[in-house]
Amino acid sequence: MNTQNEFETGNAENTTPAVARLLRPLQRLQCEEDGAATAEYAIVITAAVALASVLVLVAQSEPVKQIIEDLLIGAFGG
């Protein structure tokens, strides 16, 4: 049955009217998801910026600065 292939390729002219009528809503749904990838990228980028902000705040705190300083002094034998 070629209905699946015709739907995937967007070539529904050769289908019966009943099948074409059933495929129309599915084709609309497929077209409505075009911006989904952009929205997903925006969410991921926003989450990454939020995580980076938290890491910067943690790294700037005095206890963490002291730990990093101790590690660097220990690593370079100061």
PDB file of N, CA and C in Angstrom:
ATOM      1  N   MET A   1       0.842  -1.182   0.000  1.00  0.00           N
ATOM      2  CA  MET A   1       0.000   0.000   0.000  1.00  0.00           C
ATOM      3  C   MET A   1       0.887   1.244   0.000  1.00  0.00           C
ATOM      4  N   ASN A   2       0.724   2.142  -0.914  1.00  0.00           N
ATOM      5  CA  ASN A   2       1.591   3.293  -1.096  1.00  0.00           C
ATOM      6  C   ASN A   2       1.161   4.510  -0.299  1.00  0.00           C
ATOM      7  N   THR A   3       0.143   4.405   0.525  1.00  0.00           N
ATOM      8  CA  THR A   3      -0.371   5.575   1.235  1.00  0.00           C
ATOM      9  C   THR A   3       0.704   6.203   2.113  1.00  0.00           C
ATOM     10  N   GLN A   4       1.472   5.383   2.827  1.00  0.00           N
ATOM     11  CA  GLN A   4       2.514   5.911   3.712  1.00  0.00           C
ATOM     12  C   GLN A   4       3.569   6.651   2.907  1.00  0.00           C
ATOM     13  N   ASN A   5       4.020   6.077   1.801  1.00  0.00           N
ATOM     14  CA  ASN A   5       5.037   6.744   0.988  1.00  0.00           C
ATOM     15  C   ASN A   5       4.509   8.029   0.375  1.00  0.00           C
ATOM     16  N   GLU A   6       3.251   8.031  -0.059  1.00  0.00           N
ATOM     17  CA  GLU A   6       2.677   9.233  -0.639  1.00  0.00           C
ATOM     18  C   GLU A   6       2.565  10.332   0.406  1.00  0.00           C
ATOM     19  N   PHE A   7       2.239   9.947   1.632  1.00  0.00           N
ATOM     20  CA  PHE A   7       2.153  10.949   2.698  1.00  0.00           C
ATOM     21  C   PHE A   7       3.532  11.515   3.008  1.00  0.00           C
ATOM     22  N   GLU A   8       4.531  10.638   3.098  1.00  0.00           N
ATOM     23  CA  GLU A   8       5.876  11.096   3.447  1.00  0.00           C
ATOM     24  C   GLU A   8       6.448  12.029   2.390  1.00  0.00           C
ATOM     25  N   THR A   9       6.132  11.769   1.130  1.00  0.00           N
ATOM     26  CA  THR A   9       6.673  12.599   0.061  1.00  0.00           C
ATOM     27  C   THR A   9       5.781  13.784  -0.254  1.00  0.00           C
ATOM     28  N   GLY A  10       4.592  13.824   0.361  1.00  0.00           N
ATOM     29  CA  GLY A  10       3.671  14.919   0.106  1.00  0.00           C
ATOM     30  C   GLY A  10       2.932  14.758  -1.207  1.00  0.00           C
ATOM     31  N   ASN A  11       2.973  13.585  -1.805  1.00  0.00           N
ATOM     32  CA  ASN A  11       2.340  13.324  -3.085  1.00  0.00           C
ATOM     33  C   ASN A  11       1.055  12.543  -2.861  1.00  0.00           C
ATOM     34  N   ALA A  12      -0.030  13.240  -2.521  1.00  0.00           N
ATOM     35  CA  ALA A  12      -1.289  12.572  -2.228  1.00  0.00           C
ATOM     36  C   ALA A  12      -2.269  12.666  -3.377  1.00  0.00           C
ATOM     37  N   GLU A  13      -1.831  13.109  -4.569  1.00  0.00           N
ATOM     38  CA  GLU A  13      -2.748  13.259  -5.701  1.00  0.00           C
ATOM     39  C   GLU A  13      -3.272  11.918  -6.185  1.00  0.00           C
ATOM     40  N   ASN A  14      -2.489  10.856  -6.056  1.00  0.00           N
ATOM     41  CA  ASN A  14      -2.866   9.555  -6.584  1.00  0.00           C
ATOM     42  C   ASN A  14      -3.715   8.748  -5.610  1.00  0.00           C
ATOM     43  N   THR A  15      -4.025   9.285  -4.456  1.00  0.00           N
ATOM     44  CA  THR A  15      -4.819   8.553  -3.469  1.00  0.00           C
ATOM     45  C   THR A  15      -6.301   8.771  -3.735  1.00  0.00           C
ATOM     46  N   THR A  16      -7.091   7.922  -3.136  1.00  0.00           N
ATOM     47  CA  THR A  16      -8.539   8.081  -3.264  1.00  0.00           C
ATOM     48  C   THR A  16      -8.970   9.297  -2.462  1.00  0.00           C
ATOM     49  N   PRO A  17     -10.132   9.872  -2.766  1.00  0.00           N
ATOM     50  CA  PRO A  17     -10.586  11.050  -2.012  1.00  0.00           C
ATOM     51  C   PRO A  17     -10.720  10.791  -0.515  1.00  0.00           C
ATOM     52  N   ALA A  18     -11.149   9.576  -0.145  1.00  0.00           N
ATOM     53  CA  ALA A  18     -11.298   9.262   1.279  1.00  0.00           C
ATOM     54  C   ALA A  18      -9.937   9.259   1.978  1.00  0.00           C
ATOM     55  N   VAL A  19      -8.943   8.667   1.343  1.00  0.00           N
ATOM     56  CA  VAL A  19      -7.601   8.629   1.937  1.00  0.00           C
ATOM     57  C   VAL A  19      -7.006  10.032   1.976  1.00  0.00           C
ATOM     58  N   ALA A  20      -7.204  10.793   0.912  1.00  0.00           N
ATOM     59  CA  ALA A  20      -6.689  12.164   0.881  1.00  0.00           C
ATOM     60  C   ALA A  20      -7.321  12.998   1.981  1.00  0.00           C
ATOM     61  N   ARG A  21      -8.628  12.773   2.235  1.00  0.00           N
ATOM     62  CA  ARG A  21      -9.322  13.506   3.292  1.00  0.00           C
ATOM     63  C   ARG A  21      -8.738  13.158   4.671  1.00  0.00           C
ATOM     64  N   LEU A  22      -8.338  11.897   4.846  1.00  0.00           N
ATOM     65  CA  LEU A  22      -7.733  11.481   6.113  1.00  0.00           C
ATOM     66  C   LEU A  22      -6.306  12.015   6.270  1.00  0.00           C
ATOM     67  N   LEU A  23      -5.613  12.174   5.151  1.00  0.00           N
ATOM     68  CA  LEU A  23      -4.220  12.631   5.206  1.00  0.00           C
ATOM     69  C   LEU A  23      -4.096  14.130   5.430  1.00  0.00           C
ATOM     70  N   ARG A  24      -5.103  14.914   5.043  1.00  0.00           N
ATOM     71  CA  ARG A  24      -5.023  16.372   5.162  1.00  0.00           C
ATOM     72  C   ARG A  24      -4.677  16.853   6.571  1.00  0.00           C
ATOM     73  N   PRO A  25      -5.378  16.380   7.626  1.00  0.00           N
ATOM     74  CA  PRO A  25      -5.012  16.842   8.971  1.00  0.00           C
ATOM     75  C   PRO A  25      -3.592  16.449   9.368  1.00  0.00           C
ATOM     76  N   LEU A  26      -3.147  15.277   8.918  1.00  0.00           N
ATOM     77  CA  LEU A  26      -1.787  14.850   9.247  1.00  0.00           C
ATOM     78  C   LEU A  26      -0.758  15.742   8.571  1.00  0.00           C
ATOM     79  N   GLN A  27      -1.041  16.143   7.337  1.00  0.00           N
ATOM     80  CA  GLN A  27      -0.118  17.033   6.631  1.00  0.00           C
ATOM     81  C   GLN A  27      -0.075  18.395   7.301  1.00  0.00           C
ATOM     82  N   ARG A  28      -1.227  18.866   7.794  1.00  0.00           N
ATOM     83  CA  ARG A  28      -1.243  20.147   8.506  1.00  0.00           C
ATOM     84  C   ARG A  28      -0.422  20.059   9.787  1.00  0.00           C
ATOM     85  N   LEU A  29      -0.565  18.940  10.511  1.00  0.00           N
ATOM     86  CA  LEU A  29       0.219  18.769  11.736  1.00  0.00           C
ATOM     87  C   LEU A  29       1.705  18.756  11.439  1.00  0.00           C
ATOM     88  N   GLN A  30       2.075  18.108  10.346  1.00  0.00           N
ATOM     89  CA  GLN A  30       3.483  18.058   9.971  1.00  0.00           C
ATOM     90  C   GLN A  30       4.006  19.462   9.691  1.00  0.00           C
ATOM     91  N   CYS A  31       3.221  20.285   9.049  1.00  0.00           N
ATOM     92  CA  CYS A  31       3.639  21.647   8.726  1.00  0.00           C
ATOM     93  C   CYS A  31       3.672  22.532   9.962  1.00  0.00           C
ATOM     94  N   GLU A  32       2.810  22.275  10.944  1.00  0.00           N
ATOM     95  CA  GLU A  32       2.748  23.108  12.134  1.00  0.00           C
ATOM     96  C   GLU A  32       3.949  22.918  13.049  1.00  0.00           C
ATOM     97  N   GLU A  33       4.734  21.877  12.840  1.00  0.00           N
ATOM     98  CA  GLU A  33       5.886  21.615  13.702  1.00  0.00           C
ATOM     99  C   GLU A  33       7.166  22.248  13.165  1.00  0.00           C
ATOM    100  N   ASP A  34       7.058  23.054  12.130  1.00  0.00           N
ATOM    101  CA  ASP A  34       8.257  23.635  11.532  1.00  0.00           C
ATOM    102  C   ASP A  34       9.048  24.490  12.510  1.00  0.00           C
ATOM    103  N   GLY A  35       8.405  25.233  13.395  1.00  0.00           N
ATOM    104  CA  GLY A  35       9.096  26.093  14.346  1.00  0.00           C
ATOM    105  C   GLY A  35       9.494  25.394  15.629  1.00  0.00           C
ATOM    106  N   ALA A  36       9.154  24.114  15.767  1.00  0.00           N
ATOM    107  CA  ALA A  36       9.439  23.403  17.010  1.00  0.00           C
ATOM    108  C   ALA A  36      10.937  23.309  17.274  1.00  0.00           C
ATOM    109  N   ALA A  37      11.723  23.044  16.257  1.00  0.00           N
ATOM    110  CA  ALA A  37      13.168  22.913  16.453  1.00  0.00           C
ATOM    111  C   ALA A  37      13.764  24.225  16.934  1.00  0.00           C
ATOM    112  N   THR A  38      13.309  25.338  16.395  1.00  0.00           N
ATOM    113  CA  THR A  38      13.814  26.644  16.825  1.00  0.00           C
ATOM    114  C   THR A  38      13.474  26.890  18.285  1.00  0.00           C
ATOM    115  N   ALA A  39      12.261  26.556  18.682  1.00  0.00           N
ATOM    116  CA  ALA A  39      11.857  26.735  20.070  1.00  0.00           C
ATOM    117  C   ALA A  39      12.674  25.840  20.994  1.00  0.00           C
ATOM    118  N   GLU A  40      12.949  24.620  20.560  1.00  0.00           N
ATOM    119  CA  GLU A  40      13.759  23.716  21.373  1.00  0.00           C
ATOM    120  C   GLU A  40      15.176  24.256  21.540  1.00  0.00           C
ATOM    121  N   TYR A  41      15.744  24.792  20.462  1.00  0.00           N
ATOM    122  CA  TYR A  41      17.076  25.389  20.566  1.00  0.00           C
ATOM    123  C   TYR A  41      17.054  26.569  21.537  1.00  0.00           C
ATOM    124  N   ALA A  42      16.019  27.377  21.483  1.00  0.00           N
ATOM    125  CA  ALA A  42      15.923  28.532  22.379  1.00  0.00           C
ATOM    126  C   ALA A  42      15.849  28.084  23.830  1.00  0.00           C
ATOM    127  N   ILE A  43      15.107  27.021  24.107  1.00  0.00           N
ATOM    128  CA  ILE A  43      15.008  26.505  25.477  1.00  0.00           C
ATOM    129  C   ILE A  43      16.354  25.978  25.946  1.00  0.00           C
ATOM    130  N   VAL A  44      17.044  25.240  25.092  1.00  0.00           N
ATOM    131  CA  VAL A  44      18.354  24.685  25.459  1.00  0.00           C
ATOM    132  C   VAL A  44      19.361  25.804  25.697  1.00  0.00           C
ATOM    133  N   ILE A  45      19.362  26.818  24.851  1.00  0.00           N
ATOM    134  CA  ILE A  45      20.296  27.934  25.023  1.00  0.00           C
ATOM    135  C   ILE A  45      19.990  28.695  26.310  1.00  0.00           C
ATOM    136  N   THR A  46      18.702  28.900  26.599  1.00  0.00           N
ATOM    137  CA  THR A  46      18.323  29.583  27.838  1.00  0.00           C
ATOM    138  C   THR A  46      18.773  28.784  29.054  1.00  0.00           C
ATOM    139  N   ALA A  47      18.596  27.476  29.013  1.00  0.00           N
ATOM    140  CA  ALA A  47      19.036  26.631  30.126  1.00  0.00           C
ATOM    141  C   ALA A  47      20.554  26.672  30.272  1.00  0.00           C
ATOM    142  N   ALA A  48      21.274  26.678  29.162  1.00  0.00           N
ATOM    143  CA  ALA A  48      22.734  26.737  29.224  1.00  0.00           C
ATOM    144  C   ALA A  48      23.210  28.060  29.811  1.00  0.00           C
ATOM    145  N   VAL A  49      22.559  29.155  29.443  1.00  0.00           N
ATOM    146  CA  VAL A  49      22.927  30.463  29.996  1.00  0.00           C
ATOM    147  C   VAL A  49      22.628  30.509  31.492  1.00  0.00           C
ATOM    148  N   ALA A  50      21.503  29.937  31.895  1.00  0.00           N
ATOM    149  CA  ALA A  50      21.166  29.905  33.324  1.00  0.00           C
ATOM    150  C   ALA A  50      22.194  29.086  34.107  1.00  0.00           C
ATOM    151  N   LEU A  51      22.586  27.938  33.563  1.00  0.00           N
ATOM    152  CA  LEU A  51      23.592  27.108  34.231  1.00  0.00           C
ATOM    153  C   LEU A  51      24.940  27.825  34.297  1.00  0.00           C
ATOM    154  N   ALA A  52      25.313  28.481  33.209  1.00  0.00           N
ATOM    155  CA  ALA A  52      26.577  29.219  33.205  1.00  0.00           C
ATOM    156  C   ALA A  52      26.546  30.345  34.232  1.00  0.00           C
ATOM    157  N   SER A  53      25.421  31.008  34.373  1.00  0.00           N
ATOM    158  CA  SER A  53      25.293  32.083  35.363  1.00  0.00           C
ATOM    159  C   SER A  53      25.465  31.553  36.775  1.00  0.00           C
ATOM    160  N   VAL A  54      24.856  30.412  37.055  1.00  0.00           N
ATOM    161  CA  VAL A  54      24.997  29.807  38.381  1.00  0.00           C
ATOM    162  C   VAL A  54      26.444  29.416  38.631  1.00  0.00           C
ATOM    163  N   LEU A  55      27.101  28.837  37.626  1.00  0.00           N
ATOM    164  CA  LEU A  55      28.502  28.439  37.796  1.00  0.00           C
ATOM    165  C   LEU A  55      29.404  29.645  38.028  1.00  0.00           C
ATOM    166  N   VAL A  56      29.135  30.747  37.350  1.00  0.00           N
ATOM    167  CA  VAL A  56      29.933  31.954  37.553  1.00  0.00           C
ATOM    168  C   VAL A  56      29.741  32.468  38.986  1.00  0.00           C
ATOM    169  N   LEU A  57      28.503  32.475  39.450  1.00  0.00           N
ATOM    170  CA  LEU A  57      28.249  32.931  40.819  1.00  0.00           C
ATOM    171  C   LEU A  57      28.939  32.041  41.842  1.00  0.00           C
ATOM    172  N   VAL A  58      28.901  30.737  41.611  1.00  0.00           N
ATOM    173  CA  VAL A  58      29.557  29.810  42.545  1.00  0.00           C
ATOM    174  C   VAL A  58      31.064  30.008  42.495  1.00  0.00           C
ATOM    175  N   ALA A  59      31.616  30.167  41.309  1.00  0.00           N
ATOM    176  CA  ALA A  59      33.069  30.311  41.175  1.00  0.00           C
ATOM    177  C   ALA A  59      33.570  31.605  41.784  1.00  0.00           C
ATOM    178  N   GLN A  60      32.717  32.613  41.881  1.00  0.00           N
ATOM    179  CA  GLN A  60      33.130  33.893  42.444  1.00  0.00           C
ATOM    180  C   GLN A  60      32.987  33.946  43.959  1.00  0.00           C
ATOM    181  N   SER A  61      32.425  32.917  44.560  1.00  0.00           N
ATOM    182  CA  SER A  61      32.281  32.930  46.018  1.00  0.00           C
ATOM    183  C   SER A  61      33.649  32.690  46.675  1.00  0.00           C
ATOM    184  N   GLU A  62      33.826  33.220  47.860  1.00  0.00           N
ATOM    185  CA  GLU A  62      35.123  33.131  48.558  1.00  0.00           C
ATOM    186  C   GLU A  62      35.565  31.701  48.831  1.00  0.00           C
ATOM    187  N   PRO A  63      34.690  30.803  49.326  1.00  0.00           N
ATOM    188  CA  PRO A  63      35.173  29.428  49.576  1.00  0.00           C
ATOM    189  C   PRO A  63      35.680  28.730  48.317  1.00  0.00           C
ATOM    190  N   VAL A  64      34.995  28.945  47.206  1.00  0.00           N
ATOM    191  CA  VAL A  64      35.420  28.297  45.963  1.00  0.00           C
ATOM    192  C   VAL A  64      36.720  28.930  45.465  1.00  0.00           C
ATOM    193  N   LYS A  65      36.852  30.245  45.592  1.00  0.00           N
ATOM    194  CA  LYS A  65      38.108  30.894  45.207  1.00  0.00           C
ATOM    195  C   LYS A  65      39.270  30.333  46.010  1.00  0.00           C
ATOM    196  N   GLN A  66      39.041  30.103  47.291  1.00  0.00           N
ATOM    197  CA  GLN A  66      40.099  29.569  48.154  1.00  0.00           C
ATOM    198  C   GLN A  66      40.465  28.148  47.734  1.00  0.00           C
ATOM    199  N   ILE A  67      39.477  27.337  47.412  1.00  0.00           N
ATOM    200  CA  ILE A  67      39.740  25.961  46.980  1.00  0.00           C
ATOM    201  C   ILE A  67      40.541  25.965  45.678  1.00  0.00           C
ATOM    202  N   ILE A  68      40.138  26.816  44.726  1.00  0.00           N
ATOM    203  CA  ILE A  68      40.853  26.884  43.447  1.00  0.00           C
ATOM    204  C   ILE A  68      42.288  27.371  43.664  1.00  0.00           C
ATOM    205  N   GLU A  69      42.453  28.363  44.528  1.00  0.00           N
ATOM    206  CA  GLU A  69      43.789  28.874  44.820  1.00  0.00           C
ATOM    207  C   GLU A  69      44.658  27.798  45.458  1.00  0.00           C
ATOM    208  N   ASP A  70      44.112  27.055  46.411  1.00  0.00           N
ATOM    209  CA  ASP A  70      44.860  25.960  47.047  1.00  0.00           C
ATOM    210  C   ASP A  70      45.249  24.883  46.044  1.00  0.00           C
ATOM    211  N   LEU A  71      44.330  24.564  45.127  1.00  0.00           N
ATOM    212  CA  LEU A  71      44.650  23.578  44.108  1.00  0.00           C
ATOM    213  C   LEU A  71      45.773  24.047  43.193  1.00  0.00           C
ATOM    214  N   LEU A  72      45.707  25.301  42.782  1.00  0.00           N
ATOM    215  CA  LEU A  72      46.745  25.818  41.891  1.00  0.00           C
ATOM    216  C   LEU A  72      48.096  25.911  42.606  1.00  0.00           C
ATOM    217  N   ILE A  73      48.081  26.326  43.838  1.00  0.00           N
ATOM    218  CA  ILE A  73      49.343  26.397  44.596  1.00  0.00           C
ATOM    219  C   ILE A  73      49.915  24.998  44.783  1.00  0.00           C
ATOM    220  N   GLY A  74      49.039  24.026  45.097  1.00  0.00           N
ATOM    221  CA  GLY A  74      49.510  22.635  45.248  1.00  0.00           C
ATOM    222  C   GLY A  74      50.012  22.047  43.948  1.00  0.00           C
ATOM    223  N   ALA A  75      49.378  22.392  42.843  1.00  0.00           N
ATOM    224  CA  ALA A  75      49.765  21.831  41.545  1.00  0.00           C
ATOM    225  C   ALA A  75      51.097  22.393  41.061  1.00  0.00           C
ATOM    226  N   PHE A  76      51.362  23.668  41.340  1.00  0.00           N
ATOM    227  CA  PHE A  76      52.590  24.272  40.859  1.00  0.00           C
ATOM    228  C   PHE A  76      53.675  24.323  41.924  1.00  0.00           C
ATOM    229  N   GLY A  77      53.433  23.697  43.046  1.00  0.00           N
ATOM    230  CA  GLY A  77      54.461  23.540  44.071  1.00  0.00           C
ATOM    231  C   GLY A  77      54.870  24.822  44.755  1.00  0.00           C
ATOM    232  N   GLY A  78      53.927  25.727  44.946  1.00  0.00           N
ATOM    233  CA  GLY A  78      54.251  26.997  45.579  1.00  0.00           C
ATOM    234  C   GLY A  78      54.246  26.846  47.025  1.00  0.00           C
TER     235      GLY A  78
END
